[in-house]
Amino acid sequence: MNRNSDEIEPIEYELEVMTTPAQVFRVLTSQTELRKWWAPRVIMSRNLVTQVEGQDMEMMAVTREKNHLVRYSWRGKHWPDDKPSTVITFEIEDQGVSRGRTGEGILLTVSHDGWTDPEERENQARIWDDAVKGLECVLTGKEFRPWWQDDRRVGDFLTVQLAELKDFIGRIEEESRAKKEKKQAAKHLWKIFQELDGVGDWLYKENGTEMELRYKGIRIFGALKNGQIVMAWRDLDPLLGRELQDFADRFTVEQDMDIHVGRNYDRLPGAEINPDLFSRWCKDVMAHKAEP
């Protein structure tokens, strides 16, 4: 098929497995089987799938040719009404070379097409990469750990090492607007990352747009690919307790910035942050023990 240069490529896979067409069809259409490899929450009667917490998807069967073809429409419940659904297609081909061997060689072709948003396509492709491995294990009877039980995964974030955050820094530097400010923000953030490495856990959002530093499961700060630092002040309650306001006042003085502890969060320009003072402030937060 010829595609225009501005069309987004489909997500595609091929699997060759030693099983029967009936078994493949069941694994692709049974709620119980789909919960083993596709998503932890699948409710076929409601056409509902939840892969990432807080993001319900509608998966509706539009074609079912038993043991041959399954096609679903796929769209986010949160998508605007005028945004088209995508389409997931499973084609099952029996490659048995003789009647006696029918069903021993199955070619399963998977395609997820119709994307209009490159970032959403990229996010879903990451899930597919892991889900297809689980699908193959289900079809071959191998033991496996579902992708959503990955020890590295926290919601739609993955725990990463410092070196893996270089990709995030690169995304900030590539921002086309306010190039000078973005480069300065990237420089400050990388200095902060290096200074705080080893005192908490780095988390990187799967779509590459956001990162966080957490300590004992508590978010200390986050950053966005536009170079902003995100402070979720109320998240720090378990560590700071009644001294939250004191730490906030110190932050205001050291950074010469207006902040709003009463809000859910503040977004602050990374280019204007003093990285040395910010790193020391974060370390003091993590070392603090809130009074009961």
Protein backbone atom coordinates (compact mmCIF):
# COMPACT_ATOMS: atom_id res chain seq x y z
CA MET A 1 0.00 0.00 0.00
CA ASN A 2 1.30 3.47 -0.92
CA ARG A 3 1.14 6.03 1.86
CA ASN A 4 1.38 9.78 1.80
CA SER A 5 4.48 11.18 3.49
CA ASP A 6 2.38 12.80 6.23
CA GLU A 7 0.53 9.60 7.16
CA ILE A 8 1.49 7.91 10.42
CA GLU A 9 2.73 4.36 10.00
CA PRO A 10 0.70 1.59 11.63
CA ILE A 11 2.05 -0.52 14.49
CA GLU A 12 2.70 -3.97 12.99
CA TYR A 13 3.87 -7.39 14.18
CA GLU A 14 4.02 -10.96 12.90
CA LEU A 15 4.07 -14.05 15.11
CA GLU A 16 4.64 -17.64 14.02
CA VAL A 17 3.51 -20.06 16.72
CA MET A 18 2.81 -23.78 17.01
CA THR A 19 -0.85 -23.81 17.97
CA THR A 20 -4.31 -23.96 16.40
CA PRO A 21 -6.41 -21.23 14.77
CA ALA A 22 -9.12 -21.83 17.38
CA GLN A 23 -6.70 -21.26 20.23
CA VAL A 24 -5.42 -18.02 18.69
CA PHE A 25 -8.97 -16.79 18.11
CA ARG A 26 -9.90 -17.50 21.73
CA VAL A 27 -6.87 -15.67 23.11
CA LEU A 28 -7.78 -12.62 21.01
CA THR A 29 -11.48 -12.52 21.90
CA SER A 30 -11.88 -13.96 25.40
CA GLN A 31 -12.04 -11.45 28.24
CA THR A 32 -10.20 -13.88 30.51
CA GLU A 33 -7.41 -14.43 27.97
CA LEU A 34 -7.05 -10.74 27.11
CA ARG A 35 -6.51 -10.00 30.79
CA LYS A 36 -3.46 -12.24 30.72
CA TRP A 37 -1.49 -10.28 28.12
CA TRP A 38 -3.31 -7.16 26.85
CA ALA A 39 -4.48 -5.25 29.93
CA PRO A 40 -5.26 -5.85 33.62
CA ARG A 41 -8.80 -4.52 33.12
CA VAL A 42 -10.90 -5.81 30.22
CA ILE A 43 -14.71 -5.75 30.34
CA MET A 44 -15.97 -7.01 27.00
CA SER A 45 -19.66 -6.37 27.81
CA ARG A 46 -18.83 -2.67 28.13
CA ASN A 47 -16.15 -2.55 25.39
CA LEU A 48 -13.83 -1.23 28.09
CA VAL A 49 -10.06 -1.70 28.46
CA THR A 50 -7.75 0.01 30.95
CA GLN A 51 -4.04 -0.40 30.32
CA VAL A 52 -2.78 2.74 32.08
CA GLU A 53 -4.42 3.82 35.32
CA GLY A 54 -6.84 6.69 34.75
CA GLN A 55 -7.07 6.19 30.98
CA ASP A 56 -10.07 4.10 29.97
CA MET A 57 -10.15 2.96 26.36
CA GLU A 58 -13.06 1.76 24.24
CA MET A 59 -12.29 -1.47 22.36
CA MET A 60 -15.25 -2.55 20.24
CA ALA A 61 -15.34 -5.63 17.99
CA VAL A 62 -16.23 -4.61 14.43
CA THR A 63 -15.26 -7.83 12.61
CA ARG A 64 -15.16 -11.42 13.88
CA GLU A 65 -14.54 -14.22 11.40
CA LYS A 66 -14.07 -17.23 13.61
CA ASN A 67 -10.52 -18.59 13.58
CA HIS A 68 -9.54 -16.20 10.76
CA LEU A 69 -9.96 -12.51 11.51
CA VAL A 70 -10.61 -10.19 14.46
CA ARG A 71 -10.89 -6.42 14.16
CA TYR A 72 -11.45 -3.91 16.96
CA SER A 73 -11.96 -0.17 16.96
CA TRP A 74 -9.79 1.51 19.61
CA ARG A 75 -10.18 4.99 21.05
CA GLY A 76 -9.68 6.78 24.34
CA LYS A 77 -12.74 7.64 26.39
CA HIS A 78 -11.00 10.99 26.94
CA TRP A 79 -10.50 11.69 23.23
CA PRO A 80 -12.53 14.54 21.69
CA ASP A 81 -15.63 13.45 19.76
CA ASP A 82 -14.22 14.55 16.41
CA LYS A 83 -11.06 12.48 16.80
CA PRO A 84 -11.32 9.24 14.77
CA SER A 85 -10.92 5.79 16.28
CA THR A 86 -7.90 3.67 15.46
CA VAL A 87 -8.26 0.08 14.27
CA ILE A 88 -6.62 -3.10 15.59
CA THR A 89 -6.61 -6.03 13.16
CA PHE A 90 -5.58 -9.63 13.85
CA GLU A 91 -5.28 -11.97 10.85
CA ILE A 92 -4.87 -15.68 11.53
CA GLU A 93 -3.29 -17.79 8.78
CA ASP A 94 -3.04 -21.58 9.08
CA GLN A 95 0.27 -22.63 7.53
CA GLY A 96 -0.19 -26.38 7.96
CA VAL A 97 1.38 -28.16 5.00
CA SER A 98 -0.95 -31.14 5.05
CA ARG A 99 -4.29 -32.12 6.53
CA GLY A 100 -2.54 -34.12 9.21
CA ARG A 101 -0.56 -31.08 10.31
CA THR A 102 -3.30 -28.44 10.06
CA GLY A 103 -2.88 -25.87 12.81
CA GLU A 104 0.75 -26.62 13.63
CA GLY A 105 2.08 -23.53 11.94
CA ILE A 106 0.08 -20.36 12.58
CA LEU A 107 1.04 -16.94 11.24
CA LEU A 108 -0.61 -14.18 13.24
CA THR A 109 -0.42 -10.71 11.68
CA VAL A 110 -1.15 -7.75 13.96
CA SER A 111 -1.79 -4.20 12.78
CA HIS A 112 -2.87 -1.11 14.74
CA ASP A 113 -3.63 1.63 12.22
CA GLY A 114 -5.45 4.94 11.81
CA TRP A 115 -3.27 7.12 14.03
CA THR A 116 -3.59 10.91 13.86
CA ASP A 117 -1.41 11.73 16.89
CA PRO A 118 2.28 10.65 16.67
CA GLU A 119 2.75 10.85 20.45
CA GLU A 120 -0.22 8.59 21.17
CA ARG A 121 1.01 6.18 18.52
CA GLU A 122 4.44 6.12 20.19
CA ASN A 123 2.93 5.48 23.63
CA GLN A 124 0.79 2.62 22.34
CA ALA A 125 3.72 1.12 20.42
CA ARG A 126 5.65 0.81 23.67
CA ILE A 127 2.77 -1.13 25.20
CA TRP A 128 2.45 -3.31 22.10
CA ASP A 129 6.15 -4.23 22.24
CA ASP A 130 5.66 -5.80 25.67
CA ALA A 131 2.11 -7.05 25.09
CA VAL A 132 3.07 -9.04 21.99
CA LYS A 133 5.76 -10.85 23.98
CA GLY A 134 3.08 -11.79 26.50
CA LEU A 135 0.71 -12.87 23.72
CA GLU A 136 3.34 -15.21 22.31
CA CYS A 137 3.89 -16.72 25.77
CA VAL A 138 0.15 -17.28 26.24
CA LEU A 139 -0.08 -19.03 22.85
CA THR A 140 2.94 -21.25 23.52
CA GLY A 141 2.19 -21.98 27.18
CA LYS A 142 5.33 -20.29 28.54
CA GLU A 143 5.51 -18.62 31.95
CA PHE A 144 5.79 -14.84 31.83
CA ARG A 145 5.15 -11.67 33.80
CA PRO A 146 2.50 -9.34 32.29
CA TRP A 147 3.92 -6.05 31.07
CA TRP A 148 1.94 -4.01 33.63
CA GLN A 149 3.60 -5.92 36.47
CA ASP A 150 7.04 -4.73 35.39
CA ASP A 151 9.00 -3.82 38.52
CA ARG A 152 10.23 -0.70 36.71
CA ARG A 153 6.73 0.61 36.02
CA VAL A 154 4.92 3.16 38.19
CA GLY A 155 1.71 4.08 36.36
CA ASP A 156 2.85 5.39 32.98
CA PHE A 157 6.36 6.11 34.33
CA LEU A 158 9.37 3.79 34.25
CA THR A 159 12.17 3.85 36.81
CA VAL A 160 15.40 4.69 35.02
CA GLN A 161 19.08 5.33 35.62
CA LEU A 162 20.69 8.77 35.37
CA ALA A 163 22.12 8.08 31.91
CA GLU A 164 18.63 7.41 30.54
CA LEU A 165 17.60 10.96 31.43
CA LYS A 166 19.94 12.31 28.76
CA ASP A 167 17.14 11.65 26.28
CA PHE A 168 14.90 13.93 28.35
CA ILE A 169 17.56 16.66 28.39
CA GLY A 170 17.86 16.32 24.62
CA ARG A 171 14.12 16.85 24.22
CA ILE A 172 14.35 20.12 26.16
CA GLU A 173 17.24 21.35 23.99
CA GLU A 174 15.30 20.51 20.82
CA GLU A 175 12.36 22.75 21.73
CA SER A 176 12.06 25.24 18.88
CA ARG A 177 10.74 28.18 20.90
CA ALA A 178 12.94 30.27 23.21
CA LYS A 179 16.01 28.23 22.26
CA LYS A 180 18.38 30.09 24.60
CA GLU A 181 16.10 29.60 27.62
CA LYS A 182 15.62 25.91 26.83
CA LYS A 183 19.36 25.32 26.62
CA GLN A 184 19.83 27.07 29.96
CA ALA A 185 17.00 24.99 31.50
CA ALA A 186 18.58 21.78 30.17
CA LYS A 187 21.95 22.80 31.64
CA HIS A 188 20.44 23.53 35.07
CA LEU A 189 18.37 20.34 35.14
CA TRP A 190 21.26 18.11 34.15
CA LYS A 191 23.37 19.63 36.96
CA ILE A 192 20.52 18.95 39.40
CA PHE A 193 20.13 15.38 38.15
CA GLN A 194 23.82 14.69 38.63
CA GLU A 195 23.88 16.21 42.11
CA LEU A 196 20.84 14.24 43.29
CA ASP A 197 21.70 10.93 41.67
CA GLY A 198 21.70 8.11 44.19
CA VAL A 199 19.51 9.80 46.80
CA GLY A 200 16.15 8.95 45.23
CA ASP A 201 14.54 7.16 42.30
CA TRP A 202 14.40 8.62 38.80
CA LEU A 203 11.18 8.06 36.86
CA TYR A 204 10.69 8.87 33.19
CA LYS A 205 7.30 9.04 31.52
CA GLU A 206 7.01 6.56 28.69
CA ASN A 207 6.19 9.23 26.11
CA GLY A 208 9.34 11.14 27.06
CA THR A 209 7.57 14.34 28.09
CA GLU A 210 8.05 14.28 31.86
CA MET A 211 10.32 12.99 34.62
CA GLU A 212 10.20 12.83 38.41
CA LEU A 213 12.47 12.32 41.39
CA ARG A 214 10.84 10.23 44.10
CA TYR A 215 12.06 9.34 47.55
CA LYS A 216 10.41 6.42 49.34
CA GLY A 217 7.59 6.68 46.83
CA ILE A 218 7.07 10.42 47.45
CA ARG A 219 7.49 12.84 44.55
CA ILE A 220 10.12 15.45 45.40
CA PHE A 221 9.88 17.32 42.11
CA GLY A 222 9.14 16.79 38.47
CA ALA A 223 10.22 18.38 35.20
CA LEU A 224 8.59 18.80 31.79
CA LYS A 225 10.16 18.66 28.35
CA ASN A 226 9.52 22.41 27.97
CA GLY A 227 12.13 22.99 30.69
CA GLN A 228 9.77 23.73 33.58
CA ILE A 229 10.25 22.29 37.07
CA VAL A 230 7.04 21.06 38.72
CA MET A 231 6.68 21.31 42.49
CA ALA A 232 3.71 19.41 43.94
CA TRP A 233 3.86 20.88 47.42
CA ARG A 234 1.20 18.74 49.10
CA ASP A 235 3.02 15.60 48.00
CA LEU A 236 5.74 16.60 50.48
CA ASP A 237 3.43 16.49 53.51
CA PRO A 238 4.57 13.00 54.61
CA LEU A 239 8.19 14.22 54.75
CA LEU A 240 7.77 17.79 55.98
CA GLY A 241 4.55 17.78 57.98
CA ARG A 242 4.01 21.06 59.84
CA GLU A 243 7.30 22.41 58.48
CA LEU A 244 6.11 22.38 54.87
CA GLN A 245 5.52 26.15 54.94
CA ASP A 246 8.98 26.77 56.41
CA PHE A 247 10.61 24.81 53.58
CA ALA A 248 8.44 26.65 51.07
CA ASP A 249 9.49 30.02 52.51
CA ARG A 250 13.13 28.97 52.27
CA PHE A 251 12.57 27.96 48.65
CA THR A 252 11.05 31.39 47.91
CA VAL A 253 14.04 33.23 49.40
CA GLU A 254 16.75 31.05 47.83
CA GLN A 255 15.21 30.98 44.37
CA ASP A 256 13.71 34.49 44.47
CA MET A 257 10.45 33.10 43.08
CA ASP A 258 6.82 33.42 44.03
CA ILE A 259 5.28 30.05 44.86
CA HIS A 260 1.82 28.98 46.00
CA VAL A 261 1.77 26.12 48.51
CA GLY A 262 -2.03 26.18 48.54
CA ARG A 263 -2.15 25.13 44.89
CA ASN A 264 -1.82 21.54 43.75
CA TYR A 265 1.46 22.42 42.07
CA ASP A 266 3.69 25.20 40.71
CA ARG A 267 5.43 25.19 37.34
CA LEU A 268 8.70 27.09 37.54
CA PRO A 269 11.14 28.01 34.73
CA GLY A 270 14.16 25.71 34.89
CA ALA A 271 16.32 28.37 33.26
CA GLU A 272 15.83 30.62 36.31
CA ILE A 273 16.42 27.98 38.99
CA ASN A 274 19.66 28.09 40.98
CA PRO A 275 20.69 24.43 40.59
CA ASP A 276 23.08 24.32 43.54
CA LEU A 277 20.57 25.75 46.02
CA PHE A 278 17.76 23.64 44.57
CA SER A 279 19.77 20.41 44.91
CA ARG A 280 20.66 21.22 48.52
CA TRP A 281 17.00 22.05 49.27
CA CYS A 282 15.88 18.69 47.85
CA LYS A 283 18.47 16.81 49.89
CA ASP A 284 17.31 18.57 53.06
CA VAL A 285 13.69 17.67 52.26
CA MET A 286 14.60 14.01 51.87
CA ALA A 287 16.70 14.03 55.06
CA HIS A 288 13.94 15.69 57.11
CA LYS A 289 11.74 13.68 59.46
CA ALA A 290 8.32 15.18 59.94
CA GLU A 291 7.14 15.65 63.48
CA PRO A 292 4.20 13.37 64.35
